[in-house]
Amino acid sequence: MTGLQRLPNGNTVVTNWVGHNNAGTPPHIIEITPDKKVAWSFVDRKMMKTASSIQILDTPADAIKGEVMH
């Protein structure tokens, strides 16, 4: 994992950068509930092989204040 953002509902969105040898195999973006269940995941192996960071734009967060982690 490289980037993450805690959402107002308590879930966490993470990006999964798995390194150079495994790029393109696991999901790129995953939202996880506080009880560690996957709410949804995003994979598009045709357009991208990996994701390193994310910021959900319709969720209040300020990367300068450390509310979005990379």
PDB file of N, CA and C in Angstrom:
ATOM      1  N   MET A   1       0.834  -1.178   0.000  1.00  0.00           N
ATOM      2  CA  MET A   1       0.000   0.000   0.000  1.00  0.00           C
ATOM      3  C   MET A   1       0.876   1.237   0.000  1.00  0.00           C
ATOM      4  N   THR A   2       0.389   2.247  -0.698  1.00  0.00           N
ATOM      5  CA  THR A   2       1.149   3.492  -0.723  1.00  0.00           C
ATOM      6  C   THR A   2       0.325   4.700  -0.337  1.00  0.00           C
ATOM      7  N   GLY A   3      -0.899   4.793  -0.767  1.00  0.00           N
ATOM      8  CA  GLY A   3      -1.720   5.949  -0.443  1.00  0.00           C
ATOM      9  C   GLY A   3      -2.975   5.514   0.284  1.00  0.00           C
ATOM     10  N   LEU A   4      -3.462   6.361   1.196  1.00  0.00           N
ATOM     11  CA  LEU A   4      -4.706   6.040   1.874  1.00  0.00           C
ATOM     12  C   LEU A   4      -5.408   7.293   2.320  1.00  0.00           C
ATOM     13  N   GLN A   5      -6.732   7.175   2.449  1.00  0.00           N
ATOM     14  CA  GLN A   5      -7.548   8.283   2.916  1.00  0.00           C
ATOM     15  C   GLN A   5      -8.675   7.713   3.761  1.00  0.00           C
ATOM     16  N   ARG A   6      -8.822   8.226   4.964  1.00  0.00           N
ATOM     17  CA  ARG A   6      -9.936   7.854   5.835  1.00  0.00           C
ATOM     18  C   ARG A   6     -11.152   8.674   5.417  1.00  0.00           C
ATOM     19  N   LEU A   7     -12.284   8.010   5.241  1.00  0.00           N
ATOM     20  CA  LEU A   7     -13.510   8.655   4.820  1.00  0.00           C
ATOM     21  C   LEU A   7     -14.375   9.008   6.031  1.00  0.00           C
ATOM     22  N   PRO A   8     -15.293   9.962   5.879  1.00  0.00           N
ATOM     23  CA  PRO A   8     -16.153  10.344   6.999  1.00  0.00           C
ATOM     24  C   PRO A   8     -16.963   9.179   7.577  1.00  0.00           C
ATOM     25  N   ASN A   9     -17.268   8.159   6.777  1.00  0.00           N
ATOM     26  CA  ASN A   9     -18.033   7.007   7.267  1.00  0.00           C
ATOM     27  C   ASN A   9     -17.175   6.001   8.029  1.00  0.00           C
ATOM     28  N   GLY A  10     -15.878   6.286   8.176  1.00  0.00           N
ATOM     29  CA  GLY A  10     -14.983   5.390   8.900  1.00  0.00           C
ATOM     30  C   GLY A  10     -14.235   4.418   8.010  1.00  0.00           C
ATOM     31  N   ASN A  11     -14.655   4.295   6.766  1.00  0.00           N
ATOM     32  CA  ASN A  11     -13.944   3.421   5.832  1.00  0.00           C
ATOM     33  C   ASN A  11     -12.618   4.053   5.430  1.00  0.00           C
ATOM     34  N   THR A  12     -11.728   3.239   4.900  1.00  0.00           N
ATOM     35  CA  THR A  12     -10.438   3.711   4.424  1.00  0.00           C
ATOM     36  C   THR A  12     -10.263   3.276   2.978  1.00  0.00           C
ATOM     37  N   VAL A  13      -9.861   4.221   2.125  1.00  0.00           N
ATOM     38  CA  VAL A  13      -9.551   3.911   0.733  1.00  0.00           C
ATOM     39  C   VAL A  13      -8.035   3.833   0.622  1.00  0.00           C
ATOM     40  N   VAL A  14      -7.542   2.743   0.036  1.00  0.00           N
ATOM     41  CA  VAL A  14      -6.099   2.544  -0.094  1.00  0.00           C
ATOM     42  C   VAL A  14      -5.739   2.265  -1.543  1.00  0.00           C
ATOM     43  N   THR A  15      -4.529   2.650  -1.915  1.00  0.00           N
ATOM     44  CA  THR A  15      -3.995   2.260  -3.213  1.00  0.00           C
ATOM     45  C   THR A  15      -2.977   1.162  -2.997  1.00  0.00           C
ATOM     46  N   ASN A  16      -2.909   0.291  -3.960  1.00  0.00           N
ATOM     47  CA  ASN A  16      -2.095  -0.902  -3.835  1.00  0.00           C
ATOM     48  C   ASN A  16      -0.985  -0.886  -4.881  1.00  0.00           C
ATOM     49  N   TRP A  17       0.127  -0.305  -4.536  1.00  0.00           N
ATOM     50  CA  TRP A  17       1.299  -0.337  -5.402  1.00  0.00           C
ATOM     51  C   TRP A  17       2.130  -1.519  -4.939  1.00  0.00           C
ATOM     52  N   VAL A  18       2.190  -2.554  -5.741  1.00  0.00           N
ATOM     53  CA  VAL A  18       2.780  -3.814  -5.289  1.00  0.00           C
ATOM     54  C   VAL A  18       4.218  -4.003  -5.733  1.00  0.00           C
ATOM     55  N   GLY A  19       4.804  -3.012  -6.320  1.00  0.00           N
ATOM     56  CA  GLY A  19       6.202  -3.140  -6.730  1.00  0.00           C
ATOM     57  C   GLY A  19       6.325  -3.513  -8.198  1.00  0.00           C
ATOM     58  N   HIS A  20       7.521  -3.502  -8.662  1.00  0.00           N
ATOM     59  CA  HIS A  20       7.785  -3.663 -10.086  1.00  0.00           C
ATOM     60  C   HIS A  20       7.522  -5.076 -10.589  1.00  0.00           C
ATOM     61  N   ASN A  21       7.766  -6.077  -9.808  1.00  0.00           N
ATOM     62  CA  ASN A  21       7.622  -7.447 -10.296  1.00  0.00           C
ATOM     63  C   ASN A  21       6.188  -7.952 -10.280  1.00  0.00           C
ATOM     64  N   ASN A  22       5.307  -7.335  -9.494  1.00  0.00           N
ATOM     65  CA  ASN A  22       3.930  -7.794  -9.383  1.00  0.00           C
ATOM     66  C   ASN A  22       2.919  -6.817  -9.948  1.00  0.00           C
ATOM     67  N   ALA A  23       3.348  -5.762 -10.600  1.00  0.00           N
ATOM     68  CA  ALA A  23       2.431  -4.752 -11.121  1.00  0.00           C
ATOM     69  C   ALA A  23       1.417  -5.390 -12.054  1.00  0.00           C
ATOM     70  N   GLY A  24       0.169  -4.985 -11.901  1.00  0.00           N
ATOM     71  CA  GLY A  24      -0.872  -5.471 -12.784  1.00  0.00           C
ATOM     72  C   GLY A  24      -1.582  -6.722 -12.307  1.00  0.00           C
ATOM     73  N   THR A  25      -1.267  -7.248 -11.119  1.00  0.00           N
ATOM     74  CA  THR A  25      -1.931  -8.468 -10.667  1.00  0.00           C
ATOM     75  C   THR A  25      -3.036  -8.232  -9.644  1.00  0.00           C
ATOM     76  N   PRO A  26      -2.845  -7.497  -8.543  1.00  0.00           N
ATOM     77  CA  PRO A  26      -3.921  -7.306  -7.560  1.00  0.00           C
ATOM     78  C   PRO A  26      -4.774  -6.085  -7.883  1.00  0.00           C
ATOM     79  N   PRO A  27      -5.831  -5.841  -7.093  1.00  0.00           N
ATOM     80  CA  PRO A  27      -6.626  -4.627  -7.292  1.00  0.00           C
ATOM     81  C   PRO A  27      -5.786  -3.371  -7.083  1.00  0.00           C
ATOM     82  N   HIS A  28      -6.154  -2.305  -7.762  1.00  0.00           N
ATOM     83  CA  HIS A  28      -5.419  -1.049  -7.669  1.00  0.00           C
ATOM     84  C   HIS A  28      -5.895  -0.181  -6.511  1.00  0.00           C
ATOM     85  N   ILE A  29      -7.220  -0.130  -6.320  1.00  0.00           N
ATOM     86  CA  ILE A  29      -7.804   0.718  -5.293  1.00  0.00           C
ATOM     87  C   ILE A  29      -8.825  -0.112  -4.523  1.00  0.00           C
ATOM     88  N   ILE A  30      -8.796  -0.006  -3.192  1.00  0.00           N
ATOM     89  CA  ILE A  30      -9.670  -0.821  -2.349  1.00  0.00           C
ATOM     90  C   ILE A  30     -10.240   0.063  -1.249  1.00  0.00           C
ATOM     91  N   GLU A  31     -11.551  -0.041  -1.006  1.00  0.00           N
ATOM     92  CA  GLU A  31     -12.156   0.615   0.146  1.00  0.00           C
ATOM     93  C   GLU A  31     -12.456  -0.452   1.188  1.00  0.00           C
ATOM     94  N   ILE A  32     -11.978  -0.217   2.408  1.00  0.00           N
ATOM     95  CA  ILE A  32     -12.088  -1.199   3.487  1.00  0.00           C
ATOM     96  C   ILE A  32     -12.903  -0.600   4.626  1.00  0.00           C
ATOM     97  N   THR A  33     -13.838  -1.384   5.168  1.00  0.00           N
ATOM     98  CA  THR A  33     -14.667  -0.940   6.287  1.00  0.00           C
ATOM     99  C   THR A  33     -13.883  -1.064   7.593  1.00  0.00           C
ATOM    100  N   PRO A  34     -14.358  -0.423   8.670  1.00  0.00           N
ATOM    101  CA  PRO A  34     -13.661  -0.544   9.955  1.00  0.00           C
ATOM    102  C   PRO A  34     -13.570  -1.988  10.466  1.00  0.00           C
ATOM    103  N   ASP A  35     -14.505  -2.847  10.047  1.00  0.00           N
ATOM    104  CA  ASP A  35     -14.425  -4.249  10.469  1.00  0.00           C
ATOM    105  C   ASP A  35     -13.689  -5.116   9.437  1.00  0.00           C
ATOM    106  N   LYS A  36     -12.856  -4.453   8.606  1.00  0.00           N
ATOM    107  CA  LYS A  36     -11.912  -5.101   7.688  1.00  0.00           C
ATOM    108  C   LYS A  36     -12.567  -5.889   6.562  1.00  0.00           C
ATOM    109  N   LYS A  37     -13.708  -5.412   6.100  1.00  0.00           N
ATOM    110  CA  LYS A  37     -14.359  -6.008   4.933  1.00  0.00           C
ATOM    111  C   LYS A  37     -14.153  -5.077   3.737  1.00  0.00           C
ATOM    112  N   VAL A  38     -14.039  -5.665   2.559  1.00  0.00           N
ATOM    113  CA  VAL A  38     -13.865  -4.874   1.346  1.00  0.00           C
ATOM    114  C   VAL A  38     -15.229  -4.333   0.907  1.00  0.00           C
ATOM    115  N   ALA A  39     -15.359  -3.013   0.853  1.00  0.00           N
ATOM    116  CA  ALA A  39     -16.590  -2.383   0.386  1.00  0.00           C
ATOM    117  C   ALA A  39     -16.645  -2.408  -1.140  1.00  0.00           C
ATOM    118  N   TRP A  40     -15.524  -2.109  -1.783  1.00  0.00           N
ATOM    119  CA  TRP A  40     -15.395  -2.198  -3.236  1.00  0.00           C
ATOM    120  C   TRP A  40     -13.920  -2.165  -3.590  1.00  0.00           C
ATOM    121  N   SER A  41     -13.630  -2.592  -4.790  1.00  0.00           N
ATOM    122  CA  SER A  41     -12.256  -2.502  -5.295  1.00  0.00           C
ATOM    123  C   SER A  41     -12.311  -2.131  -6.773  1.00  0.00           C
ATOM    124  N   PHE A  42     -11.239  -1.550  -7.252  1.00  0.00           N
ATOM    125  CA  PHE A  42     -11.149  -1.100  -8.637  1.00  0.00           C
ATOM    126  C   PHE A  42      -9.926  -1.726  -9.283  1.00  0.00           C
ATOM    127  N   VAL A  43     -10.141  -2.288 -10.462  1.00  0.00           N
ATOM    128  CA  VAL A  43      -9.053  -2.853 -11.259  1.00  0.00           C
ATOM    129  C   VAL A  43      -9.310  -2.477 -12.713  1.00  0.00           C
ATOM    130  N   ASP A  44      -8.307  -1.978 -13.383  1.00  0.00           N
ATOM    131  CA  ASP A  44      -8.377  -1.736 -14.822  1.00  0.00           C
ATOM    132  C   ASP A  44      -7.002  -2.054 -15.396  1.00  0.00           C
ATOM    133  N   ARG A  45      -6.758  -3.314 -15.621  1.00  0.00           N
ATOM    134  CA  ARG A  45      -5.424  -3.754 -16.062  1.00  0.00           C
ATOM    135  C   ARG A  45      -5.082  -3.289 -17.478  1.00  0.00           C
ATOM    136  N   LYS A  46      -6.089  -2.916 -18.243  1.00  0.00           N
ATOM    137  CA  LYS A  46      -5.822  -2.441 -19.603  1.00  0.00           C
ATOM    138  C   LYS A  46      -5.237  -1.026 -19.583  1.00  0.00           C
ATOM    139  N   MET A  47      -5.763  -0.163 -18.706  1.00  0.00           N
ATOM    140  CA  MET A  47      -5.342   1.235 -18.683  1.00  0.00           C
ATOM    141  C   MET A  47      -4.241   1.549 -17.672  1.00  0.00           C
ATOM    142  N   MET A  48      -4.123   0.753 -16.626  1.00  0.00           N
ATOM    143  CA  MET A  48      -3.113   1.039 -15.611  1.00  0.00           C
ATOM    144  C   MET A  48      -2.626  -0.248 -14.964  1.00  0.00           C
ATOM    145  N   LYS A  49      -1.383  -0.255 -14.551  1.00  0.00           N
ATOM    146  CA  LYS A  49      -0.809  -1.435 -13.925  1.00  0.00           C
ATOM    147  C   LYS A  49      -0.736  -1.323 -12.418  1.00  0.00           C
ATOM    148  N   THR A  50      -0.719  -0.097 -11.907  1.00  0.00           N
ATOM    149  CA  THR A  50      -0.623   0.100 -10.472  1.00  0.00           C
ATOM    150  C   THR A  50      -1.109   1.505 -10.116  1.00  0.00           C
ATOM    151  N   ALA A  51      -1.363   1.741  -8.842  1.00  0.00           N
ATOM    152  CA  ALA A  51      -1.759   3.067  -8.364  1.00  0.00           C
ATOM    153  C   ALA A  51      -0.928   3.391  -7.132  1.00  0.00           C
ATOM    154  N   SER A  52      -0.466   4.626  -7.048  1.00  0.00           N
ATOM    155  CA  SER A  52       0.402   4.960  -5.917  1.00  0.00           C
ATOM    156  C   SER A  52      -0.251   5.884  -4.898  1.00  0.00           C
ATOM    157  N   SER A  53      -1.291   6.623  -5.286  1.00  0.00           N
ATOM    158  CA  SER A  53      -1.955   7.485  -4.314  1.00  0.00           C
ATOM    159  C   SER A  53      -3.356   7.818  -4.808  1.00  0.00           C
ATOM    160  N   ILE A  54      -4.175   8.340  -3.880  1.00  0.00           N
ATOM    161  CA  ILE A  54      -5.559   8.650  -4.206  1.00  0.00           C
ATOM    162  C   ILE A  54      -6.051   9.756  -3.284  1.00  0.00           C
ATOM    163  N   GLN A  55      -6.962  10.556  -3.791  1.00  0.00           N
ATOM    164  CA  GLN A  55      -7.708  11.496  -2.961  1.00  0.00           C
ATOM    165  C   GLN A  55      -9.122  11.529  -3.502  1.00  0.00           C
ATOM    166  N   ILE A  56     -10.080  11.167  -2.666  1.00  0.00           N
ATOM    167  CA  ILE A  56     -11.480  11.199  -3.038  1.00  0.00           C
ATOM    168  C   ILE A  56     -11.907  12.665  -3.024  1.00  0.00           C
ATOM    169  N   LEU A  57     -12.243  13.212  -4.168  1.00  0.00           N
ATOM    170  CA  LEU A  57     -12.434  14.648  -4.288  1.00  0.00           C
ATOM    171  C   LEU A  57     -13.731  15.157  -3.683  1.00  0.00           C
ATOM    172  N   ASP A  58     -14.757  14.314  -3.595  1.00  0.00           N
ATOM    173  CA  ASP A  58     -15.997  14.808  -2.995  1.00  0.00           C
ATOM    174  C   ASP A  58     -16.064  14.537  -1.494  1.00  0.00           C
ATOM    175  N   THR A  59     -14.929  14.197  -0.902  1.00  0.00           N
ATOM    176  CA  THR A  59     -14.814  13.979   0.537  1.00  0.00           C
ATOM    177  C   THR A  59     -13.877  15.040   1.103  1.00  0.00           C
ATOM    178  N   PRO A  60     -14.294  15.747   2.142  1.00  0.00           N
ATOM    179  CA  PRO A  60     -13.413  16.775   2.696  1.00  0.00           C
ATOM    180  C   PRO A  60     -12.119  16.162   3.244  1.00  0.00           C
ATOM    181  N   ALA A  61     -11.020  16.591   2.719  1.00  0.00           N
ATOM    182  CA  ALA A  61      -9.711  16.145   3.206  1.00  0.00           C
ATOM    183  C   ALA A  61      -8.667  17.122   2.693  1.00  0.00           C
ATOM    184  N   ASP A  62      -7.671  17.355   3.492  1.00  0.00           N
ATOM    185  CA  ASP A  62      -6.615  18.289   3.132  1.00  0.00           C
ATOM    186  C   ASP A  62      -5.281  17.563   3.224  1.00  0.00           C
ATOM    187  N   ALA A  63      -4.673  17.336   2.075  1.00  0.00           N
ATOM    188  CA  ALA A  63      -3.393  16.626   2.046  1.00  0.00           C
ATOM    189  C   ALA A  63      -2.315  17.387   2.801  1.00  0.00           C
ATOM    190  N   ILE A  64      -2.384  18.704   2.815  1.00  0.00           N
ATOM    191  CA  ILE A  64      -1.401  19.522   3.528  1.00  0.00           C
ATOM    192  C   ILE A  64      -1.471  19.266   5.022  1.00  0.00           C
ATOM    193  N   LYS A  65      -2.662  19.005   5.545  1.00  0.00           N
ATOM    194  CA  LYS A  65      -2.854  18.759   6.971  1.00  0.00           C
ATOM    195  C   LYS A  65      -2.680  17.286   7.338  1.00  0.00           C
ATOM    196  N   GLY A  66      -2.257  16.455   6.385  1.00  0.00           N
ATOM    197  CA  GLY A  66      -2.033  15.046   6.675  1.00  0.00           C
ATOM    198  C   GLY A  66      -3.291  14.185   6.653  1.00  0.00           C
ATOM    199  N   GLU A  67      -4.364  14.700   6.073  1.00  0.00           N
ATOM    200  CA  GLU A  67      -5.615  13.937   6.026  1.00  0.00           C
ATOM    201  C   GLU A  67      -5.667  12.972   4.849  1.00  0.00           C
ATOM    202  N   VAL A  68      -4.720  13.086   3.950  1.00  0.00           N
ATOM    203  CA  VAL A  68      -4.539  12.154   2.848  1.00  0.00           C
ATOM    204  C   VAL A  68      -3.091  11.691   2.939  1.00  0.00           C
ATOM    205  N   MET A  69      -2.870  10.393   3.042  1.00  0.00           N
ATOM    206  CA  MET A  69      -1.521   9.874   3.259  1.00  0.00           C
ATOM    207  C   MET A  69      -0.935   9.299   1.966  1.00  0.00           C
ATOM    208  N   HIS A  70       0.341   9.539   1.786  1.00  0.00           N
ATOM    209  CA  HIS A  70       1.074   8.937   0.668  1.00  0.00           C
ATOM    210  C   HIS A  70       2.441   8.538   1.177  1.00  0.00           C
TER     211      HIS A  70
END
